[in-house]
Protein backbone atom coordinates (compact mmCIF):
# COMPACT_ATOMS: atom_id res chain seq x y z
CA MET A 1 -28.13 72.33 -17.10
CA ARG A 2 -27.75 71.93 -13.39
CA GLY A 3 -30.70 69.50 -13.38
CA LYS A 4 -29.10 67.41 -16.13
CA SER A 5 -25.81 67.33 -14.22
CA LEU A 6 -27.62 66.18 -11.08
CA ALA A 7 -29.49 63.50 -13.00
CA TRP A 8 -26.23 62.30 -14.57
CA ALA A 9 -24.53 62.17 -11.17
CA LEU A 10 -27.37 60.19 -9.64
CA SER A 11 -27.36 57.82 -12.63
CA ALA A 12 -23.58 57.33 -12.36
CA ALA A 13 -23.87 56.69 -8.63
CA PHE A 14 -26.59 54.11 -9.26
CA LEU A 15 -24.51 52.35 -11.91
CA ALA A 16 -21.47 52.34 -9.65
CA THR A 17 -23.52 50.83 -6.85
CA GLY A 18 -24.89 48.22 -9.23
CA ALA A 19 -21.41 47.38 -10.49
CA GLY A 20 -20.18 46.97 -6.92
CA THR A 21 -23.07 44.67 -6.11
CA SER A 22 -22.36 42.65 -9.25
CA ALA A 23 -18.67 42.32 -8.33
CA GLN A 24 -19.59 41.20 -4.84
CA ALA A 25 -22.00 38.66 -6.26
CA ALA A 26 -19.28 37.28 -8.50
CA GLU A 27 -16.88 36.82 -5.58
CA ARG A 28 -16.46 33.14 -4.78
CA PHE A 29 -15.83 31.81 -1.28
CA VAL A 30 -13.69 28.71 -0.90
CA THR A 31 -13.33 26.61 2.24
CA ILE A 32 -10.56 24.07 2.80
CA GLY A 33 -10.91 21.40 5.50
CA THR A 34 -7.60 20.98 7.35
CA GLY A 35 -6.90 19.35 10.74
CA GLY A 36 -5.94 20.28 14.28
CA GLN A 37 -4.18 23.60 14.81
CA THR A 38 -0.92 21.93 15.87
CA GLY A 39 -0.69 19.84 12.71
CA VAL A 40 0.75 20.39 9.24
CA TYR A 41 -2.68 20.13 7.55
CA TYR A 42 -3.75 23.34 9.25
CA VAL A 43 -0.59 25.15 8.16
CA ALA A 44 -1.01 23.79 4.61
CA GLY A 45 -4.61 25.00 4.35
CA GLN A 46 -3.79 28.41 5.79
CA SER A 47 -0.82 28.71 3.40
CA ILE A 48 -2.89 27.80 0.34
CA CYS A 49 -5.51 30.37 1.31
CA ARG A 50 -2.82 32.98 1.82
CA PHE A 51 -1.79 32.73 -1.83
CA VAL A 52 -5.35 32.40 -3.14
CA ASN A 53 -6.43 35.54 -1.29
CA ARG A 54 -3.45 37.48 -2.64
CA ASN A 55 -3.48 36.26 -6.22
CA ALA A 56 -6.78 34.72 -7.36
CA GLU A 57 -9.36 37.06 -8.85
CA ASN A 58 -12.69 37.38 -7.01
CA MET A 59 -11.91 34.52 -4.64
CA LYS A 60 -11.83 34.48 -0.85
CA CYS A 61 -10.40 31.43 0.87
CA ASN A 62 -10.58 30.24 4.45
CA ALA A 63 -9.15 27.09 6.04
CA PRO A 64 -10.69 26.30 9.43
CA ALA A 65 -9.39 23.63 11.77
CA SER A 66 -11.26 20.34 11.35
CA GLY A 67 -11.35 16.76 12.58
CA GLY A 68 -8.77 15.68 10.00
CA GLY A 69 -8.67 13.59 6.84
CA VAL A 70 -11.78 11.42 7.28
CA ALA A 71 -13.80 14.43 8.41
CA ASN A 72 -12.55 16.34 5.36
CA VAL A 73 -13.73 13.61 2.98
CA ASN A 74 -17.16 13.75 4.60
CA GLY A 75 -17.08 17.56 4.48
CA ILE A 76 -16.44 17.55 0.72
CA ARG A 77 -19.20 14.98 0.25
CA SER A 78 -21.72 17.05 2.22
CA GLY A 79 -20.69 20.37 0.67
CA GLU A 80 -19.36 21.82 3.93
CA PHE A 81 -15.90 22.06 2.33
CA ASN A 82 -14.93 22.78 -1.27
CA PHE A 83 -11.52 21.22 -0.71
CA GLY A 84 -9.98 19.04 1.97
CA ILE A 85 -6.53 17.79 2.91
CA MET A 86 -6.30 14.07 3.58
CA GLN A 87 -3.99 11.09 3.51
CA SER A 88 -3.60 9.47 0.10
CA ASP A 89 -5.15 6.29 1.49
CA HIS A 90 -8.29 8.17 2.53
CA GLN A 91 -8.65 9.56 -0.98
CA TYR A 92 -8.45 6.00 -2.33
CA LYS A 93 -10.81 4.53 0.29
CA ALA A 94 -13.38 7.28 -0.30
CA MET A 95 -13.33 6.72 -4.06
CA LYS A 96 -13.78 2.95 -3.63
CA GLY A 97 -16.26 3.13 -0.76
CA LEU A 98 -14.02 1.22 1.66
CA GLU A 99 -14.01 1.65 5.44
CA PRO A 100 -14.31 4.14 7.07
CA PHE A 101 -16.52 5.35 4.17
CA LYS A 102 -18.33 2.09 3.44
CA SER A 103 -21.69 3.16 4.88
CA ALA A 104 -21.73 6.33 2.76
CA GLY A 105 -20.81 4.42 -0.42
CA ALA A 106 -18.22 5.03 -3.10
CA MET A 107 -17.44 8.70 -3.74
CA GLU A 108 -16.80 8.37 -7.45
CA ASP A 109 -16.61 12.14 -7.95
CA ILE A 110 -13.67 12.73 -5.56
CA ARG A 111 -10.83 14.41 -7.44
CA ALA A 112 -7.16 15.03 -6.70
CA VAL A 113 -5.70 18.54 -6.92
CA PHE A 114 -2.08 18.02 -5.81
CA SER A 115 -0.10 16.20 -3.15
CA LEU A 116 1.82 17.84 -0.35
CA GLN A 117 4.27 16.60 2.28
CA SER A 118 5.11 13.01 3.11
CA GLU A 119 3.44 11.82 6.31
CA VAL A 120 4.55 9.21 8.80
CA PHE A 121 2.53 7.23 11.33
CA THR A 122 4.12 8.30 14.58
CA VAL A 123 4.00 6.89 18.11
CA LEU A 124 5.62 8.92 20.89
CA ALA A 125 5.83 7.39 24.37
CA ARG A 126 7.00 8.54 27.78
CA ARG A 127 10.40 6.99 28.40
CA ASP A 128 9.30 5.86 31.86
CA ALA A 129 6.47 3.82 30.27
CA ASN A 130 9.15 1.47 28.85
CA ILE A 131 7.53 1.22 25.41
CA LYS A 132 10.22 0.16 22.95
CA SER A 133 8.12 -1.54 20.27
CA LEU A 134 4.58 -1.71 18.93
CA ASP A 135 3.82 -4.77 21.07
CA ASP A 136 4.74 -2.84 24.21
CA LEU A 137 1.66 -0.64 23.71
CA LYS A 138 -0.52 -3.49 25.00
CA GLY A 139 -1.78 -2.78 28.48
CA LYS A 140 -0.76 0.89 28.30
CA ARG A 141 -2.68 4.17 28.26
CA VAL A 142 -2.68 5.16 24.57
CA ASN A 143 -4.29 8.05 22.73
CA ILE A 144 -5.75 6.30 19.69
CA GLY A 145 -7.03 9.60 18.24
CA ASN A 146 -10.38 11.22 17.66
CA PRO A 147 -12.86 9.50 15.33
CA GLY A 148 -12.47 11.01 11.84
CA SER A 149 -8.73 11.52 12.14
CA GLY A 150 -6.04 9.92 10.02
CA GLN A 151 -4.16 8.63 13.04
CA ARG A 152 -7.25 6.76 14.23
CA ASP A 153 -7.93 5.17 10.86
CA THR A 154 -4.32 4.06 10.37
CA LEU A 155 -4.08 2.72 13.92
CA ASP A 156 -7.30 0.78 13.31
CA GLU A 157 -5.62 -0.90 10.32
CA ILE A 158 -2.51 -1.67 12.37
CA MET A 159 -4.66 -3.08 15.17
CA GLN A 160 -6.51 -5.24 12.66
CA VAL A 161 -3.33 -6.93 11.39
CA LYS A 162 -2.14 -7.29 15.00
CA GLY A 163 -5.45 -8.91 16.02
CA TRP A 164 -6.11 -6.19 18.60
CA ASP A 165 -9.12 -4.12 19.55
CA LYS A 166 -9.38 -1.24 22.01
CA SER A 167 -9.37 -3.67 24.93
CA ALA A 168 -5.67 -4.26 24.19
CA PHE A 169 -4.99 -0.97 25.97
CA ARG A 170 -5.50 -0.10 29.62
CA LEU A 171 -6.90 3.20 28.37
CA ALA A 172 -7.87 4.03 24.77
CA ALA A 173 -8.13 7.82 24.82
CA GLU A 174 -9.76 9.71 21.93
CA LEU A 175 -8.04 13.07 22.34
CA LYS A 176 -7.66 15.50 19.46
CA PRO A 177 -4.12 16.23 18.21
CA ALA A 178 -3.95 19.57 20.06
CA GLU A 179 -4.68 17.87 23.39
CA GLN A 180 -2.35 14.89 23.35
CA ALA A 181 1.05 16.55 23.96
CA SER A 182 -0.12 18.06 27.26
CA ALA A 183 -1.78 14.76 28.23
CA LEU A 184 1.54 12.98 27.72
CA GLY A 185 3.39 15.64 29.74
CA ASP A 186 0.82 15.47 32.54
CA ASN A 187 1.18 11.66 32.69
CA ASN A 188 -2.46 11.11 31.74
CA ILE A 189 -1.40 8.84 28.85
CA ASP A 190 1.69 6.71 28.22
CA ALA A 191 1.77 7.16 24.44
CA MET A 192 0.32 9.36 21.72
CA THR A 193 -0.24 8.52 18.06
CA TYR A 194 -0.15 10.83 15.05
CA PHE A 195 -0.13 10.52 11.24
CA VAL A 196 1.74 13.67 10.36
CA GLY A 197 4.50 15.45 8.47
CA HIS A 198 7.74 16.14 10.30
CA PRO A 199 8.93 18.19 12.08
CA ASN A 200 5.69 18.65 14.01
CA GLY A 201 4.86 21.22 16.66
CA ALA A 202 2.92 18.90 18.98
CA ILE A 203 5.75 16.35 19.06
CA GLN A 204 8.31 19.11 19.61
CA GLU A 205 6.18 20.37 22.51
CA ALA A 206 5.88 16.89 24.03
CA THR A 207 9.59 16.04 23.76
CA THR A 208 10.48 19.39 25.29
CA THR A 209 8.19 19.00 28.32
CA VAL A 210 8.73 15.28 29.07
CA ASP A 211 11.42 12.69 28.37
CA ALA A 212 9.76 10.88 25.45
CA VAL A 213 10.86 8.46 22.74
CA LEU A 214 9.65 7.68 19.22
CA VAL A 215 8.53 4.06 18.86
CA PRO A 216 9.52 2.06 15.74
CA ILE A 217 6.59 0.71 13.72
CA GLU A 218 7.91 -2.50 12.21
CA GLY A 219 7.59 -6.29 12.28
CA ALA A 220 5.96 -9.14 10.38
CA GLU A 221 2.42 -7.76 10.74
CA ILE A 222 3.50 -4.34 9.46
CA ASP A 223 5.18 -6.01 6.47
CA LYS A 224 1.87 -7.80 5.82
CA LEU A 225 -0.01 -4.49 5.99
CA LEU A 226 2.40 -2.91 3.50
CA ALA A 227 2.00 -5.86 1.14
CA GLU A 228 -1.81 -5.71 1.27
CA LYS A 229 -2.34 -1.92 1.26
CA SER A 230 -0.50 -0.28 -1.63
CA TYR A 231 -1.39 3.22 -0.37
CA TYR A 232 1.07 2.75 2.51
CA THR A 233 4.84 2.76 2.02
CA LYS A 234 7.84 2.26 4.28
CA ALA A 235 8.82 5.56 5.88
CA GLU A 236 11.05 6.90 8.60
CA ILE A 237 11.39 9.84 10.96
CA PRO A 238 14.86 11.37 10.59
CA ALA A 239 17.31 11.29 13.48
CA GLY A 240 17.75 14.40 15.59
CA LEU A 241 14.49 16.20 14.82
CA TYR A 242 13.30 15.94 18.41
CA LYS A 243 15.03 16.18 21.77
CA GLY A 244 16.20 12.79 23.04
CA ASN A 245 15.62 11.03 19.70
CA ASP A 246 18.95 10.75 17.94
CA GLN A 247 18.21 7.60 15.91
CA VAL A 248 16.22 7.14 12.70
CA THR A 249 12.76 5.72 13.55
CA PRO A 250 11.23 3.30 10.98
CA SER A 251 7.49 3.42 10.34
CA ILE A 252 4.89 3.52 7.55
CA GLY A 253 3.61 6.54 5.68
CA GLY A 254 1.95 8.13 2.70
CA LYS A 255 1.29 11.53 1.16
CA ALA A 256 -0.99 14.34 2.21
CA VAL A 257 -3.28 15.22 -0.71
CA LEU A 258 -5.49 18.22 -1.45
CA SER A 259 -8.76 16.85 -2.81
CA THR A 260 -12.03 18.23 -4.09
CA SER A 261 -15.16 17.11 -5.93
CA ALA A 262 -15.75 16.90 -9.68
CA LYS A 263 -18.63 19.33 -9.04
CA THR A 264 -16.23 22.11 -8.00
CA ASP A 265 -16.04 24.88 -10.63
CA PRO A 266 -12.97 24.18 -12.85
CA GLU A 267 -12.07 27.88 -12.82
CA VAL A 268 -11.95 27.89 -9.02
CA VAL A 269 -9.62 24.87 -9.00
CA TYR A 270 -7.49 26.39 -11.77
CA GLN A 271 -7.08 29.67 -9.87
CA LEU A 272 -6.22 27.90 -6.61
CA VAL A 273 -3.61 25.68 -8.29
CA LYS A 274 -2.12 28.63 -10.17
CA SER A 275 -1.88 30.67 -6.96
CA VAL A 276 0.12 27.92 -5.25
CA PHE A 277 2.43 26.81 -8.05
CA GLU A 278 3.33 30.33 -9.13
CA ASN A 279 4.44 30.96 -5.54
CA LEU A 280 5.85 27.50 -4.77
CA GLU A 281 9.19 28.74 -3.44
CA ARG A 282 7.39 31.01 -0.98
CA PHE A 283 5.04 28.17 -0.07
CA GLN A 284 8.03 25.92 0.71
CA ARG A 285 9.27 28.42 3.29
CA LEU A 286 6.05 28.41 5.32
CA HIS A 287 6.77 25.08 7.10
CA PRO A 288 9.82 22.81 7.30
CA ALA A 289 7.68 19.89 6.03
CA PHE A 290 7.19 21.77 2.73
CA LYS A 291 10.84 22.54 1.98
CA ASP A 292 11.42 19.51 -0.30
CA LEU A 293 8.17 19.81 -2.29
CA LYS A 294 8.70 19.52 -6.05
CA ALA A 295 6.08 20.37 -8.67
CA GLU A 296 6.78 17.20 -10.68
CA ASP A 297 5.99 15.06 -7.60
CA MET A 298 3.03 17.11 -6.38
CA ILE A 299 1.07 16.54 -9.61
CA LYS A 300 1.59 12.73 -9.63
CA VAL A 301 2.87 11.10 -6.43
CA GLY A 302 0.16 10.01 -3.99
CA LEU A 303 -2.75 10.95 -6.24
CA SER A 304 -5.00 7.93 -5.78
CA ALA A 305 -7.99 9.61 -7.51
CA PRO A 306 -8.25 11.26 -10.96
CA LEU A 307 -7.06 14.84 -11.32
CA HIS A 308 -9.73 17.55 -11.32
CA GLU A 309 -10.08 19.08 -14.79
CA GLY A 310 -9.23 22.57 -13.47
CA ALA A 311 -5.91 21.31 -12.06
CA GLU A 312 -5.20 19.28 -15.19
CA ARG A 313 -5.72 22.40 -17.33
CA TYR A 314 -3.07 24.33 -15.42
CA TYR A 315 -0.56 21.46 -15.44
CA LYS A 316 -0.97 21.06 -19.21
CA GLU A 317 -0.48 24.82 -19.72
CA ARG A 318 2.82 24.52 -17.86
CA GLY A 319 3.85 21.54 -20.00
CA TRP A 320 3.95 19.19 -17.02
CA LEU A 321 1.38 16.75 -18.40
């Protein structure tokens, strides 16, 4: 009897171990490409993972800092990332194979999941640099952004309509977002650029440490850019968000979009989407840029690629599509 009991116990232990191994094998790991640690992309990715890790079954999510939107497109293409946050224009350009993705070709399998905060192309300059307009950037020390970032790609398009290249600036720095606020404060650059949701930590840091002003992005060439590139819209930075900037600042903008590939398991996408939308009010509280997010906008506005079938399934279940 004792032998049978021992055999049963060993058998049960073996089965339990096997079940544990099976459960571990079924666990899926999801990686979201974000941006610099001072930006809203990073907060968005971390926030999404927070809800996935709490609510999705057998899924573990991480959201490391990355080079930004262009890098995230390339990361999804290579398989480094399952998901990536990017500007709506980058989603469109990747799908069509336009610059900066022309050499890699059209990414016909890129898929939209949902959009996030509105983003604005932002130029912040030291007040003592006397930069009051876009044209005043000529001959100045400007951080044009690291290759692979949204700010760099958008500035490249602005420079193209202005007929400029990097030689227009006395210095064209390629600092990452996390480095540019201190560079402005240390007087190593006259102006920094950013394509970002507001309020933003790096801009708050810069305006707190140095007398700095937001530069309006407007004029005939900008109107031409808006007319030619439908993925950009007129935008503005509200008055009073940052020290010393009490006026509304006009600019151009778009939406941040969470994207993936058609190859991503529909169940994974479904569980991620469900985890976010069933906790949307909590999500909105995790950053001021998220406070005005609305489900009806997130599933339509700024989605310049087809919806992934896993996201579409959830939205149909909710009666939104």
